[in-house]
């Protein structure tokens, strides 16, 4: 991320996110001459970022988030954020009384307050910036001496001229052309990130939505009643059970009549409801497999 931000600050005068939203960083002039500058037009050299401005911007764009992430990780390593009622209270036996242990406990107690104060500080600046009470949406921008402006048509024309000058073809052999292309490839890759990253994020979010439970593709491929219930596995007949080999299709093996109000046993065999009910009530088993069956296990078949 350091190299990406440095490239965009040097090339476009803005961070990656600021350039994506059409913003640029400008060195704050000592005297406000907005009306005169708007009348003259063009890009003024004194407004462009210098090397010191770029390195200071990198300090807060990359260094500060890195330090905050490390501070949060260390706070979690010390057990911060855990509910005290979920862990045993063994302070009397295991508390480290050395100066290092005291520093850890002090850091664990002070970090939530410091982090909350920092977030409130940024929130106050955001509110003040929204109501035009300050020209800086972050406090360190005033320390650096830069503010944010919309990219104007003059900035776009100046960028096009710079790109045209850097891409002018120069005579040379194949080796020289390849060498020049290799030198420009990192810059071309970094410039293409503002198109590649949103495209990749879009496709990732699209795939997450497509394979989510609420996706229309999933709702069309599955029944609104839920997944289809597979048929019960047919258990083999017991030697002491009734024979079903000579029973015609659609006939009840017990009463030898057409099945009325078809009812299935857990074993997979189908009988008339009254025949199945009476048999289970009397014997408590499947008449074919002799598998133990309760009354609530009988299932009526609706055709």
C-alpha atoms as a PDB file:
ATOM      1  CA  UNK A   1       0.000   0.000   0.000  1.00  0.00           C
ATOM      2  CA  UNK A   2       2.947   2.304   0.629  1.00  0.00           C
ATOM      3  CA  UNK A   3       4.099   2.135  -2.996  1.00  0.00           C
ATOM      4  CA  UNK A   4       0.562   2.616  -4.329  1.00  0.00           C
ATOM      5  CA  UNK A   5      -0.031   5.725  -2.227  1.00  0.00           C
ATOM      6  CA  UNK A   6       3.396   7.141  -3.053  1.00  0.00           C
ATOM      7  CA  UNK A   7       2.808   6.658  -6.776  1.00  0.00           C
ATOM      8  CA  UNK A   8      -0.570   8.404  -6.707  1.00  0.00           C
ATOM      9  CA  UNK A   9       0.750  11.257  -4.574  1.00  0.00           C
ATOM     10  CA  UNK A  10       3.647  11.807  -6.951  1.00  0.00           C
ATOM     11  CA  UNK A  11       1.684  11.384 -10.169  1.00  0.00           C
ATOM     12  CA  UNK A  12      -1.801  12.682  -9.353  1.00  0.00           C
ATOM     13  CA  UNK A  13      -1.209  14.743  -6.213  1.00  0.00           C
ATOM     14  CA  UNK A  14      -3.733  12.664  -4.249  1.00  0.00           C
ATOM     15  CA  UNK A  15      -4.069   9.382  -2.432  1.00  0.00           C
ATOM     16  CA  UNK A  16      -5.555   6.373  -4.183  1.00  0.00           C
ATOM     17  CA  UNK A  17      -9.008   6.894  -2.658  1.00  0.00           C
ATOM     18  CA  UNK A  18      -8.939  10.659  -3.250  1.00  0.00           C
ATOM     19  CA  UNK A  19      -7.983  10.195  -6.890  1.00  0.00           C
ATOM     20  CA  UNK A  20     -10.763   7.627  -7.321  1.00  0.00           C
ATOM     21  CA  UNK A  21     -13.325  10.204  -6.155  1.00  0.00           C
ATOM     22  CA  UNK A  22     -11.889  13.005  -8.292  1.00  0.00           C
ATOM     23  CA  UNK A  23     -10.037  14.888  -5.542  1.00  0.00           C
ATOM     24  CA  UNK A  24      -6.523  16.247  -5.279  1.00  0.00           C
ATOM     25  CA  UNK A  25      -4.274  17.605  -2.547  1.00  0.00           C
ATOM     26  CA  UNK A  26      -3.190  21.218  -2.779  1.00  0.00           C
ATOM     27  CA  UNK A  27      -0.555  23.107  -0.843  1.00  0.00           C
ATOM     28  CA  UNK A  28      -2.403  25.815   1.062  1.00  0.00           C
ATOM     29  CA  UNK A  29      -1.291  29.269  -0.155  1.00  0.00           C
ATOM     30  CA  UNK A  30      -0.269  31.919   2.334  1.00  0.00           C
ATOM     31  CA  UNK A  31      -2.809  34.366   0.937  1.00  0.00           C
ATOM     32  CA  UNK A  32      -6.254  33.505  -0.360  1.00  0.00           C
ATOM     33  CA  UNK A  33      -6.504  34.573  -3.984  1.00  0.00           C
ATOM     34  CA  UNK A  34      -9.308  32.343  -5.194  1.00  0.00           C
ATOM     35  CA  UNK A  35     -10.958  34.954  -7.391  1.00  0.00           C
ATOM     36  CA  UNK A  36      -7.711  35.956  -9.110  1.00  0.00           C
ATOM     37  CA  UNK A  37      -6.707  32.351  -9.679  1.00  0.00           C
ATOM     38  CA  UNK A  38     -10.109  31.444 -11.104  1.00  0.00           C
ATOM     39  CA  UNK A  39      -9.845  34.361 -13.520  1.00  0.00           C
ATOM     40  CA  UNK A  40      -6.362  33.399 -14.701  1.00  0.00           C
ATOM     41  CA  UNK A  41      -6.973  29.624 -14.814  1.00  0.00           C
ATOM     42  CA  UNK A  42      -4.434  26.874 -15.204  1.00  0.00           C
ATOM     43  CA  UNK A  43      -2.488  24.835 -12.670  1.00  0.00           C
ATOM     44  CA  UNK A  44      -0.141  26.845 -10.471  1.00  0.00           C
ATOM     45  CA  UNK A  45       3.234  25.224  -9.695  1.00  0.00           C
ATOM     46  CA  UNK A  46       3.250  26.452  -6.080  1.00  0.00           C
ATOM     47  CA  UNK A  47       0.105  24.408  -5.386  1.00  0.00           C
ATOM     48  CA  UNK A  48       1.709  21.103  -6.373  1.00  0.00           C
ATOM     49  CA  UNK A  49       2.914  18.796  -3.624  1.00  0.00           C
ATOM     50  CA  UNK A  50       6.610  18.820  -2.809  1.00  0.00           C
ATOM     51  CA  UNK A  51       8.606  15.836  -1.598  1.00  0.00           C
ATOM     52  CA  UNK A  52       8.190  16.914   2.028  1.00  0.00           C
ATOM     53  CA  UNK A  53       4.414  17.125   1.561  1.00  0.00           C
ATOM     54  CA  UNK A  54       4.372  13.674  -0.036  1.00  0.00           C
ATOM     55  CA  UNK A  55       6.334  12.043   2.789  1.00  0.00           C
ATOM     56  CA  UNK A  56       4.239  13.749   5.446  1.00  0.00           C
ATOM     57  CA  UNK A  57       1.099  12.590   3.682  1.00  0.00           C
ATOM     58  CA  UNK A  58       2.462   9.040   3.527  1.00  0.00           C
ATOM     59  CA  UNK A  59       3.133   9.170   7.256  1.00  0.00           C
ATOM     60  CA  UNK A  60      -0.573   9.671   7.980  1.00  0.00           C
ATOM     61  CA  UNK A  61      -1.944   7.651   5.047  1.00  0.00           C
ATOM     62  CA  UNK A  62       0.097   4.511   5.699  1.00  0.00           C
ATOM     63  CA  UNK A  63       2.002   4.884   8.963  1.00  0.00           C
ATOM     64  CA  UNK A  64      -0.862   5.959  11.220  1.00  0.00           C
ATOM     65  CA  UNK A  65      -3.306   3.183  10.124  1.00  0.00           C
ATOM     66  CA  UNK A  66      -0.496   0.645  10.497  1.00  0.00           C
ATOM     67  CA  UNK A  67       0.254   1.774  14.058  1.00  0.00           C
ATOM     68  CA  UNK A  68      -3.445   1.742  14.957  1.00  0.00           C
ATOM     69  CA  UNK A  69      -3.835  -1.792  13.597  1.00  0.00           C
ATOM     70  CA  UNK A  70      -0.810  -2.982  15.589  1.00  0.00           C
ATOM     71  CA  UNK A  71      -2.151  -1.283  18.733  1.00  0.00           C
ATOM     72  CA  UNK A  72      -5.515  -3.011  18.288  1.00  0.00           C
ATOM     73  CA  UNK A  73      -3.836  -6.395  17.749  1.00  0.00           C
ATOM     74  CA  UNK A  74      -1.722  -5.967  20.889  1.00  0.00           C
ATOM     75  CA  UNK A  75      -4.807  -4.943  22.881  1.00  0.00           C
ATOM     76  CA  UNK A  76      -6.573  -8.127  21.767  1.00  0.00           C
ATOM     77  CA  UNK A  77      -3.496 -10.229  22.594  1.00  0.00           C
ATOM     78  CA  UNK A  78      -3.686  -8.915  26.156  1.00  0.00           C
ATOM     79  CA  UNK A  79      -7.288 -10.085  26.388  1.00  0.00           C
ATOM     80  CA  UNK A  80      -8.916  -6.773  25.663  1.00  0.00           C
ATOM     81  CA  UNK A  81     -12.520  -6.805  24.592  1.00  0.00           C
ATOM     82  CA  UNK A  82     -13.332 -10.071  26.388  1.00  0.00           C
ATOM     83  CA  UNK A  83     -16.238 -10.155  28.804  1.00  0.00           C
ATOM     84  CA  UNK A  84     -14.991 -10.501  32.344  1.00  0.00           C
ATOM     85  CA  UNK A  85     -17.720 -12.980  33.265  1.00  0.00           C
ATOM     86  CA  UNK A  86     -16.469 -15.431  30.601  1.00  0.00           C
ATOM     87  CA  UNK A  87     -13.019 -15.862  32.135  1.00  0.00           C
ATOM     88  CA  UNK A  88     -12.006 -16.977  35.595  1.00  0.00           C
ATOM     89  CA  UNK A  89     -10.798 -14.372  38.041  1.00  0.00           C
ATOM     90  CA  UNK A  90      -7.324 -15.601  38.975  1.00  0.00           C
ATOM     91  CA  UNK A  91      -5.751 -12.213  39.550  1.00  0.00           C
ATOM     92  CA  UNK A  92      -4.601 -13.000  43.063  1.00  0.00           C
ATOM     93  CA  UNK A  93      -2.482 -15.929  41.869  1.00  0.00           C
ATOM     94  CA  UNK A  94      -1.334 -15.036  38.367  1.00  0.00           C
ATOM     95  CA  UNK A  95      -0.936 -11.232  38.221  1.00  0.00           C
ATOM     96  CA  UNK A  96       2.484 -10.170  36.982  1.00  0.00           C
ATOM     97  CA  UNK A  97       3.784  -7.586  39.485  1.00  0.00           C
ATOM     98  CA  UNK A  98       6.843  -6.585  37.442  1.00  0.00           C
ATOM     99  CA  UNK A  99       7.043  -3.206  35.745  1.00  0.00           C
ATOM    100  CA  UNK A 100       6.354  -4.891  32.403  1.00  0.00           C
ATOM    101  CA  UNK A 101       3.168  -6.452  33.772  1.00  0.00           C
ATOM    102  CA  UNK A 102       2.054  -3.104  35.178  1.00  0.00           C
ATOM    103  CA  UNK A 103       2.622  -1.459  31.801  1.00  0.00           C
ATOM    104  CA  UNK A 104       0.547  -4.145  30.088  1.00  0.00           C
ATOM    105  CA  UNK A 105      -2.339  -3.671  32.516  1.00  0.00           C
ATOM    106  CA  UNK A 106      -2.130   0.093  32.138  1.00  0.00           C
ATOM    107  CA  UNK A 107      -2.158  -0.219  28.348  1.00  0.00           C
ATOM    108  CA  UNK A 108      -5.113  -2.600  28.478  1.00  0.00           C
ATOM    109  CA  UNK A 109      -7.056  -0.162  30.662  1.00  0.00           C
ATOM    110  CA  UNK A 110      -6.122   3.013  28.769  1.00  0.00           C
ATOM    111  CA  UNK A 111      -6.375   1.830  25.163  1.00  0.00           C
ATOM    112  CA  UNK A 112     -10.203   1.801  24.898  1.00  0.00           C
ATOM    113  CA  UNK A 113     -10.383   5.363  26.221  1.00  0.00           C
ATOM    114  CA  UNK A 114      -7.600   6.592  23.949  1.00  0.00           C
ATOM    115  CA  UNK A 115      -9.100   4.899  20.902  1.00  0.00           C
ATOM    116  CA  UNK A 116     -12.569   6.287  21.655  1.00  0.00           C
ATOM    117  CA  UNK A 117     -11.145   9.778  22.178  1.00  0.00           C
ATOM    118  CA  UNK A 118      -9.343   9.557  18.853  1.00  0.00           C
ATOM    119  CA  UNK A 119     -12.518   8.474  17.044  1.00  0.00           C
ATOM    120  CA  UNK A 120     -14.515  11.285  18.668  1.00  0.00           C
ATOM    121  CA  UNK A 121     -11.799  13.738  17.633  1.00  0.00           C
ATOM    122  CA  UNK A 122     -12.075  12.615  14.010  1.00  0.00           C
ATOM    123  CA  UNK A 123     -15.879  12.753  14.210  1.00  0.00           C
ATOM    124  CA  UNK A 124     -15.755  16.356  15.425  1.00  0.00           C
ATOM    125  CA  UNK A 125     -13.496  17.271  12.501  1.00  0.00           C
ATOM    126  CA  UNK A 126     -15.825  15.537  10.047  1.00  0.00           C
ATOM    127  CA  UNK A 127     -18.834  17.422  11.384  1.00  0.00           C
ATOM    128  CA  UNK A 128     -16.950  20.719  11.319  1.00  0.00           C
ATOM    129  CA  UNK A 129     -15.807  20.023   7.757  1.00  0.00           C
ATOM    130  CA  UNK A 130     -19.362  19.158   6.690  1.00  0.00           C
ATOM    131  CA  UNK A 131     -20.620  22.511   8.006  1.00  0.00           C
ATOM    132  CA  UNK A 132     -17.642  24.392   6.482  1.00  0.00           C
ATOM    133  CA  UNK A 133     -16.216  25.328   9.866  1.00  0.00           C
ATOM    134  CA  UNK A 134     -12.788  24.103   8.810  1.00  0.00           C
ATOM    135  CA  UNK A 135     -11.165  23.491   5.408  1.00  0.00           C
ATOM    136  CA  UNK A 136      -9.611  20.231   6.654  1.00  0.00           C
ATOM    137  CA  UNK A 137     -11.530  17.001   7.138  1.00  0.00           C
ATOM    138  CA  UNK A 138      -8.588  15.532   9.051  1.00  0.00           C
ATOM    139  CA  UNK A 139      -6.588  17.432  11.693  1.00  0.00           C
ATOM    140  CA  UNK A 140      -3.200  16.415  10.330  1.00  0.00           C
ATOM    141  CA  UNK A 141      -3.927  18.043   6.979  1.00  0.00           C
ATOM    142  CA  UNK A 142      -3.571  21.414   8.704  1.00  0.00           C
ATOM    143  CA  UNK A 143      -0.243  20.257  10.166  1.00  0.00           C
ATOM    144  CA  UNK A 144       0.992  19.228   6.719  1.00  0.00           C
ATOM    145  CA  UNK A 145      -0.347  22.411   5.133  1.00  0.00           C
ATOM    146  CA  UNK A 146      -2.489  20.827   2.404  1.00  0.00           C
ATOM    147  CA  UNK A 147      -6.213  20.735   1.695  1.00  0.00           C
ATOM    148  CA  UNK A 148      -8.497  18.926  -0.748  1.00  0.00           C
ATOM    149  CA  UNK A 149      -9.919  20.318  -3.964  1.00  0.00           C
ATOM    150  CA  UNK A 150     -11.947  18.934  -6.827  1.00  0.00           C
ATOM    151  CA  UNK A 151      -9.964  17.993  -9.906  1.00  0.00           C
ATOM    152  CA  UNK A 152     -10.650  20.703 -12.467  1.00  0.00           C
ATOM    153  CA  UNK A 153     -10.543  20.656 -16.251  1.00  0.00           C
ATOM    154  CA  UNK A 154      -7.122  22.343 -16.115  1.00  0.00           C
ATOM    155  CA  UNK A 155      -5.800  19.484 -13.985  1.00  0.00           C
ATOM    156  CA  UNK A 156      -7.102  16.919 -16.467  1.00  0.00           C
ATOM    157  CA  UNK A 157      -5.515  18.742 -19.401  1.00  0.00           C
ATOM    158  CA  UNK A 158      -2.192  19.012 -17.561  1.00  0.00           C
ATOM    159  CA  UNK A 159      -2.288  15.286 -16.772  1.00  0.00           C
ATOM    160  CA  UNK A 160      -3.000  14.445 -20.416  1.00  0.00           C
ATOM    161  CA  UNK A 161      -0.071  16.589 -21.558  1.00  0.00           C
ATOM    162  CA  UNK A 162       2.246  14.889 -19.057  1.00  0.00           C
ATOM    163  CA  UNK A 163       1.142  11.431 -20.193  1.00  0.00           C
ATOM    164  CA  UNK A 164       1.560  12.402 -23.852  1.00  0.00           C
ATOM    165  CA  UNK A 165       5.099  13.645 -23.227  1.00  0.00           C
ATOM    166  CA  UNK A 166       6.083  10.501 -21.351  1.00  0.00           C
ATOM    167  CA  UNK A 167       4.608   8.222 -24.024  1.00  0.00           C
ATOM    168  CA  UNK A 168       6.111   9.907 -27.097  1.00  0.00           C
ATOM    169  CA  UNK A 169       7.749   7.229 -29.250  1.00  0.00           C
ATOM    170  CA  UNK A 170      11.504   7.431 -29.444  1.00  0.00           C
ATOM    171  CA  UNK A 171      13.600   5.762 -32.105  1.00  0.00           C
ATOM    172  CA  UNK A 172      15.454   2.691 -30.985  1.00  0.00           C
ATOM    173  CA  UNK A 173      15.876  -1.001 -31.402  1.00  0.00           C
ATOM    174  CA  UNK A 174      13.722  -3.797 -30.092  1.00  0.00           C
ATOM    175  CA  UNK A 175      15.844  -4.176 -26.964  1.00  0.00           C
ATOM    176  CA  UNK A 176      15.491  -0.497 -26.138  1.00  0.00           C
ATOM    177  CA  UNK A 177      11.732  -0.631 -26.672  1.00  0.00           C
ATOM    178  CA  UNK A 178      11.424  -3.643 -24.362  1.00  0.00           C
ATOM    179  CA  UNK A 179      13.578  -1.948 -21.749  1.00  0.00           C
ATOM    180  CA  UNK A 180      11.432   1.188 -21.903  1.00  0.00           C
ATOM    181  CA  UNK A 181       8.281  -0.919 -21.634  1.00  0.00           C
ATOM    182  CA  UNK A 182       9.620  -2.749 -18.577  1.00  0.00           C
ATOM    183  CA  UNK A 183      10.436   0.555 -16.934  1.00  0.00           C
ATOM    184  CA  UNK A 184       6.917   1.835 -17.540  1.00  0.00           C
ATOM    185  CA  UNK A 185       5.118  -1.374 -16.547  1.00  0.00           C
ATOM    186  CA  UNK A 186       5.040  -0.634 -12.775  1.00  0.00           C
ATOM    187  CA  UNK A 187       3.552   2.789 -13.450  1.00  0.00           C
ATOM    188  CA  UNK A 188       1.006   1.373 -15.894  1.00  0.00           C
ATOM    189  CA  UNK A 189       0.025  -1.295 -13.376  1.00  0.00           C
ATOM    190  CA  UNK A 190      -0.384   1.207 -10.546  1.00  0.00           C
ATOM    191  CA  UNK A 191      -2.425   3.541 -12.753  1.00  0.00           C
ATOM    192  CA  UNK A 192      -4.688   0.678 -13.767  1.00  0.00           C
ATOM    193  CA  UNK A 193      -5.505  -0.146 -10.136  1.00  0.00           C
ATOM    194  CA  UNK A 194      -8.208   2.528 -10.010  1.00  0.00           C
ATOM    195  CA  UNK A 195     -10.054   0.506 -12.668  1.00  0.00           C
ATOM    196  CA  UNK A 196      -8.986  -3.028 -11.720  1.00  0.00           C
ATOM    197  CA  UNK A 197      -9.754  -2.841  -8.002  1.00  0.00           C
ATOM    198  CA  UNK A 198     -13.378  -1.608  -8.333  1.00  0.00           C
ATOM    199  CA  UNK A 199     -13.951  -4.200 -11.056  1.00  0.00           C
ATOM    200  CA  UNK A 200     -12.570  -7.034  -8.913  1.00  0.00           C
ATOM    201  CA  UNK A 201     -14.569  -5.869  -5.890  1.00  0.00           C
ATOM    202  CA  UNK A 202     -17.723  -5.725  -8.015  1.00  0.00           C
ATOM    203  CA  UNK A 203     -17.268  -9.300  -9.250  1.00  0.00           C
ATOM    204  CA  UNK A 204     -16.480 -10.578  -5.744  1.00  0.00           C
ATOM    205  CA  UNK A 205     -19.614  -8.946  -4.341  1.00  0.00           C
ATOM    206  CA  UNK A 206     -21.620 -10.237  -7.290  1.00  0.00           C
ATOM    207  CA  UNK A 207     -20.439 -13.805  -6.665  1.00  0.00           C
ATOM    208  CA  UNK A 208     -21.205 -13.469  -2.951  1.00  0.00           C
ATOM    209  CA  UNK A 209     -24.719 -12.290  -3.794  1.00  0.00           C
ATOM    210  CA  UNK A 210     -25.198 -14.940  -6.498  1.00  0.00           C
ATOM    211  CA  UNK A 211     -24.324 -17.802  -4.154  1.00  0.00           C
ATOM    212  CA  UNK A 212     -26.093 -16.326  -1.115  1.00  0.00           C
ATOM    213  CA  UNK A 213     -29.302 -17.942   0.214  1.00  0.00           C
ATOM    214  CA  UNK A 214     -31.338 -14.949  -1.027  1.00  0.00           C
ATOM    215  CA  UNK A 215     -30.029 -15.192  -4.590  1.00  0.00           C
ATOM    216  CA  UNK A 216     -32.702 -15.494  -7.312  1.00  0.00           C
ATOM    217  CA  UNK A 217     -30.641 -18.230  -8.965  1.00  0.00           C
ATOM    218  CA  UNK A 218     -30.866 -20.329  -5.823  1.00  0.00           C
ATOM    219  CA  UNK A 219     -34.573 -19.584  -5.399  1.00  0.00           C
ATOM    220  CA  UNK A 220     -35.288 -20.644  -8.992  1.00  0.00           C
ATOM    221  CA  UNK A 221     -33.256 -23.833  -8.775  1.00  0.00           C
ATOM    222  CA  UNK A 222     -34.933 -25.000  -5.566  1.00  0.00           C
ATOM    223  CA  UNK A 223     -38.565 -25.595  -4.778  1.00  0.00           C
ATOM    224  CA  UNK A 224     -40.312 -23.064  -2.526  1.00  0.00           C
ATOM    225  CA  UNK A 225     -41.405 -26.028  -0.407  1.00  0.00           C
ATOM    226  CA  UNK A 226     -37.802 -26.909   0.339  1.00  0.00           C
ATOM    227  CA  UNK A 227     -35.522 -29.654  -0.961  1.00  0.00           C
ATOM    228  CA  UNK A 228     -37.117 -32.820  -2.276  1.00  0.00           C
ATOM    229  CA  UNK A 229     -37.389 -35.574   0.321  1.00  0.00           C
ATOM    230  CA  UNK A 230     -35.751 -38.769  -0.966  1.00  0.00           C
ATOM    231  CA  UNK A 231     -37.899 -41.934  -0.879  1.00  0.00           C
ATOM    232  CA  UNK A 232     -37.348 -44.236   2.103  1.00  0.00           C
ATOM    233  CA  UNK A 233     -34.891 -47.049   1.646  1.00  0.00           C
ATOM    234  CA  UNK A 234     -36.742 -50.307   1.077  1.00  0.00           C
ATOM    235  CA  UNK A 235     -35.804 -52.828   3.755  1.00  0.00           C
ATOM    236  CA  UNK A 236     -35.549 -56.491   2.713  1.00  0.00           C
ATOM    237  CA  UNK A 237     -38.478 -58.711   3.733  1.00  0.00           C
ATOM    238  CA  UNK A 238     -38.098 -60.822   6.855  1.00  0.00           C
ATOM    239  CA  UNK A 239     -38.415 -64.608   6.391  1.00  0.00           C
ATOM    240  CA  UNK A 240     -41.204 -64.667   8.990  1.00  0.00           C
ATOM    241  CA  UNK A 241     -43.040 -61.668   7.505  1.00  0.00           C
ATOM    242  CA  UNK A 242     -45.873 -61.770   5.022  1.00  0.00           C
ATOM    243  CA  UNK A 243     -44.981 -62.367   1.383  1.00  0.00           C
ATOM    244  CA  UNK A 244     -45.333 -59.515  -1.081  1.00  0.00           C
ATOM    245  CA  UNK A 245     -43.921 -61.200  -4.178  1.00  0.00           C
ATOM    246  CA  UNK A 246     -47.299 -62.359  -5.416  1.00  0.00           C
ATOM    247  CA  UNK A 247     -49.095 -59.068  -4.635  1.00  0.00           C
ATOM    248  CA  UNK A 248     -50.090 -57.050  -7.683  1.00  0.00           C
ATOM    249  CA  UNK A 249     -49.193 -53.388  -8.039  1.00  0.00           C
ATOM    250  CA  UNK A 250     -51.671 -51.144  -6.177  1.00  0.00           C
ATOM    251  CA  UNK A 251     -52.989 -53.954  -3.966  1.00  0.00           C
ATOM    252  CA  UNK A 252     -52.662 -54.003  -0.164  1.00  0.00           C
ATOM    253  CA  UNK A 253     -50.540 -56.985   0.996  1.00  0.00           C
ATOM    254  CA  UNK A 254     -52.753 -57.405   4.089  1.00  0.00           C
ATOM    255  CA  UNK A 255     -56.328 -57.223   2.817  1.00  0.00           C
ATOM    256  CA  UNK A 256     -55.479 -58.133  -0.804  1.00  0.00           C
ATOM    257  CA  UNK A 257     -57.702 -55.296  -2.006  1.00  0.00           C
ATOM    258  CA  UNK A 258     -56.899 -52.029  -3.806  1.00  0.00           C
ATOM    259  CA  UNK A 259     -55.058 -49.703  -1.450  1.00  0.00           C
ATOM    260  CA  UNK A 260     -57.390 -47.154   0.143  1.00  0.00           C
ATOM    261  CA  UNK A 261     -55.862 -44.085   1.822  1.00  0.00           C
ATOM    262  CA  UNK A 262     -52.291 -45.238   1.174  1.00  0.00           C
ATOM    263  CA  UNK A 263     -50.028 -45.217   4.227  1.00  0.00           C
ATOM    264  CA  UNK A 264     -46.299 -45.954   4.247  1.00  0.00           C
ATOM    265  CA  UNK A 265     -44.270 -47.671   6.951  1.00  0.00           C
ATOM    266  CA  UNK A 266     -40.728 -46.460   7.778  1.00  0.00           C
ATOM    267  CA  UNK A 267     -39.530 -49.621   6.034  1.00  0.00           C
ATOM    268  CA  UNK A 268     -40.921 -48.298   2.729  1.00  0.00           C
ATOM    269  CA  UNK A 269     -43.891 -50.643   2.238  1.00  0.00           C
ATOM    270  CA  UNK A 270     -47.363 -49.207   1.597  1.00  0.00           C
ATOM    271  CA  UNK A 271     -50.692 -50.507   2.929  1.00  0.00           C
ATOM    272  CA  UNK A 272     -54.217 -49.286   3.475  1.00  0.00           C
ATOM    273  CA  UNK A 273     -54.413 -46.877   6.364  1.00  0.00           C
ATOM    274  CA  UNK A 274     -56.822 -49.020   8.370  1.00  0.00           C
ATOM    275  CA  UNK A 275     -54.786 -52.166   7.752  1.00  0.00           C
ATOM    276  CA  UNK A 276     -51.558 -50.415   8.760  1.00  0.00           C
ATOM    277  CA  UNK A 277     -53.165 -48.783  11.806  1.00  0.00           C
ATOM    278  CA  UNK A 278     -54.696 -52.001  13.106  1.00  0.00           C
ATOM    279  CA  UNK A 279     -51.488 -53.994  12.530  1.00  0.00           C
ATOM    280  CA  UNK A 280     -49.271 -51.488  14.345  1.00  0.00           C
ATOM    281  CA  UNK A 281     -51.765 -51.166  17.167  1.00  0.00           C
ATOM    282  CA  UNK A 282     -51.835 -54.945  17.588  1.00  0.00           C
ATOM    283  CA  UNK A 283     -48.252 -56.011  16.806  1.00  0.00           C
ATOM    284  CA  UNK A 284     -46.144 -52.824  16.749  1.00  0.00           C
ATOM    285  CA  UNK A 285     -44.084 -54.062  13.791  1.00  0.00           C
ATOM    286  CA  UNK A 286     -43.998 -53.832  10.020  1.00  0.00           C
ATOM    287  CA  UNK A 287     -45.841 -56.878   8.641  1.00  0.00           C
ATOM    288  CA  UNK A 288     -43.185 -57.442   5.953  1.00  0.00           C
ATOM    289  CA  UNK A 289     -39.831 -56.622   7.608  1.00  0.00           C
ATOM    290  CA  UNK A 290     -40.899 -57.043  11.258  1.00  0.00           C
ATOM    291  CA  UNK A 291     -39.166 -53.721  11.979  1.00  0.00           C
ATOM    292  CA  UNK A 292     -40.495 -52.073  15.135  1.00  0.00           C
ATOM    293  CA  UNK A 293     -42.877 -49.269  14.223  1.00  0.00           C
ATOM    294  CA  UNK A 294     -44.803 -46.750  16.286  1.00  0.00           C
ATOM    295  CA  UNK A 295     -48.060 -45.138  15.335  1.00  0.00           C
ATOM    296  CA  UNK A 296     -46.556 -41.687  14.801  1.00  0.00           C
ATOM    297  CA  UNK A 297     -44.092 -43.127  12.271  1.00  0.00           C
ATOM    298  CA  UNK A 298     -46.847 -43.962   9.776  1.00  0.00           C
ATOM    299  CA  UNK A 299     -47.056 -41.521   6.884  1.00  0.00           C
ATOM    300  CA  UNK A 300     -50.085 -40.975   4.680  1.00  0.00           C
ATOM    301  CA  UNK A 301     -49.280 -40.665   0.986  1.00  0.00           C
ATOM    302  CA  UNK A 302     -51.125 -37.906  -0.858  1.00  0.00           C
ATOM    303  CA  UNK A 303     -51.252 -38.592  -4.582  1.00  0.00           C
END
